Protein backbone atom coordinates (compact mmCIF):
# COMPACT_ATOMS: atom_id res chain seq x y z
CA UNK A 1 149.75 84.33 81.55
CA UNK A 2 152.17 86.98 82.08
CA UNK A 3 150.04 89.65 80.87
CA UNK A 4 147.30 88.27 82.94
CA UNK A 5 148.79 88.54 85.66
CA UNK A 6 150.11 91.98 85.57
CA UNK A 7 146.52 93.41 84.74
CA UNK A 8 145.23 91.48 87.57
CA UNK A 9 147.95 92.85 89.87
CA UNK A 10 147.55 96.18 88.53
CA UNK A 11 143.16 96.13 89.62
CA UNK A 12 144.06 94.75 92.82
CA UNK A 13 146.36 97.85 93.54
CA UNK A 14 143.66 100.08 92.34
CA UNK A 15 141.50 98.06 94.77
CA UNK A 16 143.67 99.48 97.30
CA UNK A 17 146.10 96.33 98.26
CA UNK A 18 149.39 97.19 98.97
CA UNK A 19 150.98 94.75 96.61
CA UNK A 20 154.68 95.42 96.51
CA UNK A 21 156.62 96.37 93.12
CA UNK A 22 158.65 92.89 93.24
CA UNK A 23 155.61 91.20 92.74
CA UNK A 24 154.73 90.16 89.08
CA UNK A 25 152.74 87.35 89.03
CA UNK A 26 150.28 85.28 90.76
CA UNK A 27 152.85 82.82 92.03
CA UNK A 28 154.69 85.38 94.02
CA UNK A 29 151.63 86.74 96.23
CA UNK A 30 151.82 85.27 99.64
CA UNK A 31 148.81 84.16 101.82
CA UNK A 32 148.46 87.19 103.43
CA UNK A 33 148.46 89.37 100.24
CA UNK A 34 145.62 86.88 98.97
CA UNK A 35 143.40 87.23 101.93
CA UNK A 36 143.86 90.95 101.78
CA UNK A 37 143.12 91.22 98.18
CA UNK A 38 140.18 89.00 98.50
CA UNK A 39 138.79 91.11 101.42
CA UNK A 40 139.22 94.36 99.78
CA UNK A 41 137.64 93.05 96.54
CA UNK A 42 134.64 91.84 98.47
CA UNK A 43 134.11 95.39 100.64
CA UNK A 44 134.20 97.26 96.98
CA UNK A 45 131.63 94.75 95.38
CA UNK A 46 129.60 93.97 98.37
CA UNK A 47 130.51 95.66 101.88
CA UNK A 48 127.74 93.85 103.79
CA UNK A 49 130.03 90.74 103.00
CA UNK A 50 133.46 92.36 103.18
CA UNK A 51 133.28 94.70 106.09
CA UNK A 52 133.04 92.07 108.65
CA UNK A 53 136.02 90.56 107.61
CA UNK A 54 139.61 91.28 108.50
CA UNK A 55 142.22 92.35 105.60
CA UNK A 56 144.95 90.92 107.76
CA UNK A 57 145.79 87.38 108.50
CA UNK A 58 146.27 86.67 112.25
CA UNK A 59 149.23 84.61 113.43
CA UNK A 60 147.24 82.02 115.13
CA UNK A 61 146.46 78.54 113.37
CA UNK A 62 142.91 78.34 114.77
CA UNK A 63 142.17 82.13 113.83
CA UNK A 64 143.61 81.74 110.31
CA UNK A 65 141.32 78.68 109.82
CA UNK A 66 138.25 80.62 111.18
CA UNK A 67 139.29 83.73 108.88
CA UNK A 68 139.95 81.62 105.63
CA UNK A 69 136.44 79.84 106.13
CA UNK A 70 134.65 82.87 106.51
CA UNK A 71 136.24 84.22 103.62
CA UNK A 72 135.56 81.20 101.12
CA UNK A 73 131.79 81.44 102.38
CA UNK A 74 131.80 85.10 101.64
CA UNK A 75 133.07 84.23 98.12
CA UNK A 76 130.41 81.36 97.71
CA UNK A 77 127.78 84.06 98.27
CA UNK A 78 128.69 86.24 96.03
CA UNK A 79 128.34 83.79 93.10
CA UNK A 80 131.99 81.95 92.88
CA UNK A 81 131.13 78.74 91.15
CA UNK A 82 134.79 77.07 91.51
CA UNK A 83 135.75 75.02 94.83
CA UNK A 84 136.77 77.32 97.41
CA UNK A 85 137.71 76.64 101.07
CA UNK A 86 140.06 77.47 103.99
CA UNK A 87 142.95 75.84 101.82
CA UNK A 88 142.29 77.84 98.99
CA UNK A 89 143.61 80.95 100.87
CA UNK A 90 146.24 79.40 103.17
CA UNK A 91 147.81 76.60 100.87
CA UNK A 92 146.12 77.29 97.62
CA UNK A 93 147.88 76.62 94.21
CA UNK A 94 148.72 79.07 91.40
CA UNK A 95 145.80 78.11 89.49
CA UNK A 96 142.91 78.20 91.88
CA UNK A 97 144.13 81.38 93.23
CA UNK A 98 144.49 83.17 90.03
CA UNK A 99 140.85 82.00 89.02
CA UNK A 100 139.48 83.14 92.35
CA UNK A 101 141.10 86.67 91.90
CA UNK A 102 140.17 86.86 88.16
CA UNK A 103 136.56 86.20 89.68
CA UNK A 104 136.66 89.04 92.11
CA UNK A 105 138.32 91.51 89.88
CA UNK A 106 135.49 91.06 87.40
CA UNK A 107 133.09 91.87 89.81
CA UNK A 108 134.68 95.09 90.87
CA UNK A 109 132.75 98.42 89.88
CA UNK A 110 134.18 100.59 87.41
CA UNK A 111 134.91 104.29 88.30
CA UNK A 112 132.92 107.04 86.29
CA UNK A 113 135.74 108.05 83.99
CA UNK A 114 135.95 104.41 82.46
CA UNK A 115 132.00 104.45 82.59
CA UNK A 116 132.06 107.84 80.47
CA UNK A 117 134.66 106.56 77.97
CA UNK A 118 132.60 103.27 76.69
CA UNK A 119 130.50 104.74 74.27
CA UNK A 120 132.68 105.76 71.45
CA UNK A 121 131.94 108.58 68.79
CA UNK A 122 128.70 110.92 68.95
CA UNK A 123 126.56 108.79 70.78
CA UNK A 124 128.66 108.56 73.60
CA UNK A 125 129.08 112.48 73.66
CA UNK A 126 125.51 112.77 73.53
CA UNK A 127 124.93 110.39 76.07
CA UNK A 128 127.37 111.77 78.35
CA UNK A 129 125.73 115.40 77.89
CA UNK A 130 122.26 113.86 78.63
CA UNK A 131 123.29 112.24 81.85
CA UNK A 132 125.14 115.49 83.01
CA UNK A 133 122.04 117.40 82.29
CA UNK A 134 119.66 114.69 84.14
CA UNK A 135 121.92 115.03 87.16
CA UNK A 136 121.92 118.53 87.13
CA UNK A 137 118.25 119.05 87.31
CA UNK A 138 117.90 116.23 89.75
CA UNK A 139 120.38 117.94 92.10
CA UNK A 140 118.55 121.07 91.67
CA UNK A 141 115.54 121.66 94.25
CA UNK A 142 112.48 122.75 92.70
CA UNK A 143 111.52 126.53 93.06
CA UNK A 144 108.09 128.16 92.31
CA UNK A 145 107.99 130.09 88.93
CA UNK A 146 107.96 133.45 90.35
CA UNK A 147 110.81 132.88 92.41
CA UNK A 148 113.15 131.49 90.08
CA UNK A 149 116.50 132.99 89.03
CA UNK A 150 117.80 133.05 85.40
CA UNK A 151 119.46 130.07 85.79
CA UNK A 152 116.69 128.09 87.31
CA UNK A 153 114.33 129.23 84.74
CA UNK A 154 116.73 127.79 82.02
CA UNK A 155 116.61 124.55 84.15
CA UNK A 156 113.01 124.47 85.21
CA UNK A 157 111.48 126.48 82.83
CA UNK A 158 109.55 129.64 83.23
CA UNK A 159 105.76 128.62 82.72
CA UNK A 160 103.33 127.54 85.37
CA UNK A 161 102.41 123.79 86.19
CA UNK A 162 99.40 122.49 84.44
CA UNK A 163 97.28 119.63 85.65
CA UNK A 164 97.96 115.99 83.97
CA UNK A 165 94.74 116.15 81.75
CA UNK A 166 94.93 113.38 78.55
CA UNK A 167 93.30 112.87 75.56
CA UNK A 168 92.63 109.96 73.29
CA UNK A 169 95.09 109.72 70.43
CA UNK A 170 94.94 108.13 66.94
CA UNK A 171 98.33 106.22 66.15
CA UNK A 172 99.31 105.23 62.70
CA UNK A 173 99.05 101.57 62.00
CA UNK A 174 101.04 99.65 59.35
CA UNK A 175 98.46 96.88 58.67
CA UNK A 176 94.98 97.20 57.82
CA UNK A 177 92.87 98.06 54.62
CA UNK A 178 93.83 100.22 51.66
CA UNK A 179 91.07 102.92 52.88
CA UNK A 180 92.81 103.28 56.49
CA UNK A 181 96.42 103.42 55.05
CA UNK A 182 95.26 106.09 53.11
CA UNK A 183 93.69 107.88 55.90
CA UNK A 184 96.76 107.79 57.85
CA UNK A 185 99.09 108.67 55.18
CA UNK A 186 97.31 112.18 54.33
CA UNK A 187 93.90 112.98 55.99
CA UNK A 188 95.16 111.92 59.61
CA UNK A 189 96.51 114.98 61.71
CA UNK A 190 99.51 114.30 63.39
CA UNK A 191 99.87 113.16 67.02
CA UNK A 192 101.20 116.12 68.47
CA UNK A 193 98.64 118.15 66.89
CA UNK A 194 95.46 115.95 67.95
CA UNK A 195 94.97 117.26 71.38
CA UNK A 196 92.97 120.20 71.67
CA UNK A 197 95.42 122.04 73.81
CA UNK A 198 99.27 121.84 73.53
CA UNK A 199 99.45 120.99 77.03
CA UNK A 200 97.71 117.73 76.78
CA UNK A 201 100.07 116.66 74.48
CA UNK A 202 103.07 114.90 76.76
CA UNK A 203 100.34 113.36 79.49
CA UNK A 204 98.84 111.96 76.57
CA UNK A 205 101.77 110.61 74.89
CA UNK A 206 102.74 109.06 78.57
CA UNK A 207 99.33 107.56 79.01
CA UNK A 208 99.37 105.97 75.41
CA UNK A 209 102.84 104.68 75.96
CA UNK A 210 102.19 103.16 79.28
CA UNK A 211 98.87 101.58 77.83
CA UNK A 212 100.77 100.06 75.00
CA UNK A 213 103.20 98.60 77.51
CA UNK A 214 100.85 97.34 79.56
CA UNK A 215 98.59 95.31 76.61
CA UNK A 216 102.07 94.20 75.61
CA UNK A 217 103.22 92.92 79.06
CA UNK A 218 99.63 91.31 79.58
CA UNK A 219 99.95 89.32 76.26
CA UNK A 220 103.22 88.03 76.82
CA UNK A 221 102.23 86.58 80.16
CA UNK A 222 99.05 85.11 78.51
CA UNK A 223 101.11 83.81 75.50
CA UNK A 224 103.59 82.28 77.80
CA UNK A 225 100.83 80.20 79.77
CA UNK A 226 97.84 79.40 78.32
CA UNK A 227 98.62 80.55 74.63
CA UNK A 228 101.71 78.05 74.16
CA UNK A 229 99.41 75.44 75.93
CA UNK A 230 96.58 75.51 73.61
CA UNK A 231 98.76 74.93 70.45
CA UNK A 232 97.08 77.38 68.40
CA UNK A 233 98.49 80.12 66.00
CA UNK A 234 98.16 83.45 67.79
CA UNK A 235 95.32 84.74 65.63
CA UNK A 236 93.43 81.44 65.98
CA UNK A 237 93.95 81.80 70.13
CA UNK A 238 92.63 85.31 70.18
CA UNK A 239 89.53 84.64 67.83
CA UNK A 240 88.49 81.80 70.34
CA UNK A 241 89.23 83.95 73.20
CA UNK A 242 86.75 86.75 72.02
CA UNK A 243 84.34 84.24 71.06
CA UNK A 244 84.19 82.81 74.67
CA UNK A 245 84.01 86.47 76.06
CA UNK A 246 81.14 87.01 73.75
CA UNK A 247 79.33 83.84 74.84
CA UNK A 248 79.66 84.56 78.53
CA UNK A 249 78.56 88.30 78.28
CA UNK A 250 75.45 86.65 76.14
CA UNK A 251 74.43 84.05 78.93
CA UNK A 252 73.77 86.20 82.00
CA UNK A 253 71.71 88.61 79.40
CA UNK A 254 69.47 85.57 77.82
CA UNK A 255 68.92 84.52 81.46
CA UNK A 256 67.37 88.00 82.46
CA UNK A 257 65.78 89.02 79.17
CA UNK A 258 64.00 85.60 77.64
CA UNK A 259 62.36 86.05 74.50
CA UNK A 260 58.45 86.59 74.23
CA UNK A 261 56.10 84.07 73.06
CA UNK A 262 53.57 86.13 71.94
CA UNK A 263 51.99 86.72 68.60
CA UNK A 264 51.65 84.30 65.51
CA UNK A 265 52.90 80.71 65.71
CA UNK A 266 56.93 80.34 65.36
CA UNK A 267 58.06 79.26 61.91
CA UNK A 268 59.60 75.45 62.41
CA UNK A 269 62.52 76.44 59.81
CA UNK A 270 63.62 79.18 62.15
CA UNK A 271 63.03 77.49 65.38
CA UNK A 272 65.42 74.61 63.84
CA UNK A 273 67.88 77.60 62.82
CA UNK A 274 67.87 78.98 66.55
CA UNK A 275 68.30 75.72 67.89
CA UNK A 276 71.02 74.68 65.69
CA UNK A 277 72.66 77.74 66.34
CA UNK A 278 72.40 77.70 70.03
CA UNK A 279 69.43 79.42 71.36
CA UNK A 280 67.27 77.07 73.59
CA UNK A 281 64.29 79.83 74.19
CA UNK A 282 63.73 81.45 77.23
CA UNK A 283 60.56 79.31 78.57
CA UNK A 284 62.06 76.19 78.18
CA UNK A 285 64.02 74.44 81.17
CA UNK A 286 67.46 75.64 81.43
CA UNK A 287 69.07 72.03 81.90
CA UNK A 288 72.68 70.93 82.32
CA UNK A 289 75.62 71.36 80.27
CA UNK A 290 75.18 68.07 78.84
CA UNK A 291 71.65 68.52 77.57
CA UNK A 292 72.72 72.02 76.16
CA UNK A 293 75.54 70.05 74.24
CA UNK A 294 73.31 67.79 72.73
CA UNK A 295 71.16 70.43 71.59
CA UNK A 296 73.95 72.19 69.81
CA UNK A 297 75.27 68.88 68.37
CA UNK A 298 72.41 66.84 67.05
CA UNK A 299 69.47 68.92 65.13
CA UNK A 300 66.12 68.14 66.66
CA UNK A 301 62.87 67.87 64.75
CA UNK A 302 61.27 71.24 64.38
CA UNK A 303 57.58 69.74 64.88
CA UNK A 304 58.60 68.38 68.44
CA UNK A 305 60.37 71.83 69.22
CA UNK A 306 57.30 73.73 68.25
CA UNK A 307 55.35 71.22 70.84
CA UNK A 308 57.56 71.99 73.56
CA UNK A 309 57.38 75.78 73.13
CA UNK A 310 53.63 75.53 72.77
CA UNK A 311 53.13 73.77 76.24
CA UNK A 312 55.89 76.19 77.56
CA UNK A 313 53.86 79.12 76.39
CA UNK A 314 50.55 77.60 78.11
CA UNK A 315 52.48 76.97 81.36
CA UNK A 316 53.51 80.66 81.20
CA UNK A 317 50.12 82.11 80.38
CA UNK A 318 47.48 80.05 82.40
CA UNK A 319 45.42 83.11 83.07
CA UNK A 320 44.94 83.81 79.39
CA UNK A 321 43.58 80.14 78.74
CA UNK A 322 41.62 80.47 81.82
CA UNK A 323 39.93 83.88 80.43
CA UNK A 324 39.35 82.14 77.11
CA UNK A 325 37.60 79.20 78.74
CA UNK A 326 35.39 81.33 80.85
CA UNK A 327 34.34 83.59 77.83
CA UNK A 328 33.48 80.31 75.99
């Protein structure tokens, strides 16, 4: 615990708490130092919670109780999971004080030097160089190309702006038939060379990447809800979804464009096949879902179906029947 207390007290000093040199452990901290350390840590972590609180413990009993209660409520709002109250700051034990101060010290933001020293090796150097370059470019205001100095030309380029024009891209795929893999392996042009103009390559890549992210996000949202509830494998779930979409798209087409009942008599075998597959004919009554389900489930007699269609055809063309009767 001695090493932990030394690191903890060193962190409190860096946060702005004037801890005396003779204090080497948590048990040596007075209630005034505990209150001041907690308030300064809260101000560094979340200023909205720490600024209204005073780092100095007042001499009055009621004022002490009020400040300690407000400080305990602020620590709970910050996310401290242990028991905390006014007694934690005024009459606390060593264990409770150490636990609370460790929580506040872990919440302290790290400075830029520590952040830059975290990634080791060449990757850390590259990340710091990229961050510095981005920060430099963001801090430089945009200047028209004709007004840019040589330094701005290195940062912002010398070319003029181009409109955001995209084009479709054909990305390589890992699966599929051998012909497709052979095409992607040799005949397919590289992705940067597919746009007709080089200025369309970055917009096309951005648009394709955004479409992929959107599709993936939609699929994860759907699979996390109705997909898991269906208890089906992903491929089977997608197949059934495509089938339902096709049926919904065909239903209004069947209602708007019914088949014509003209020409020679229909073959009963064809009628049986059509009705078994779900086609009900445009001239027959639409019926309810239960009726259509019966047609799909139970096969009907072709002769009965033929009689129904002939009756429907006579009702649809009464003028033709009357003309034939008049001519006779």
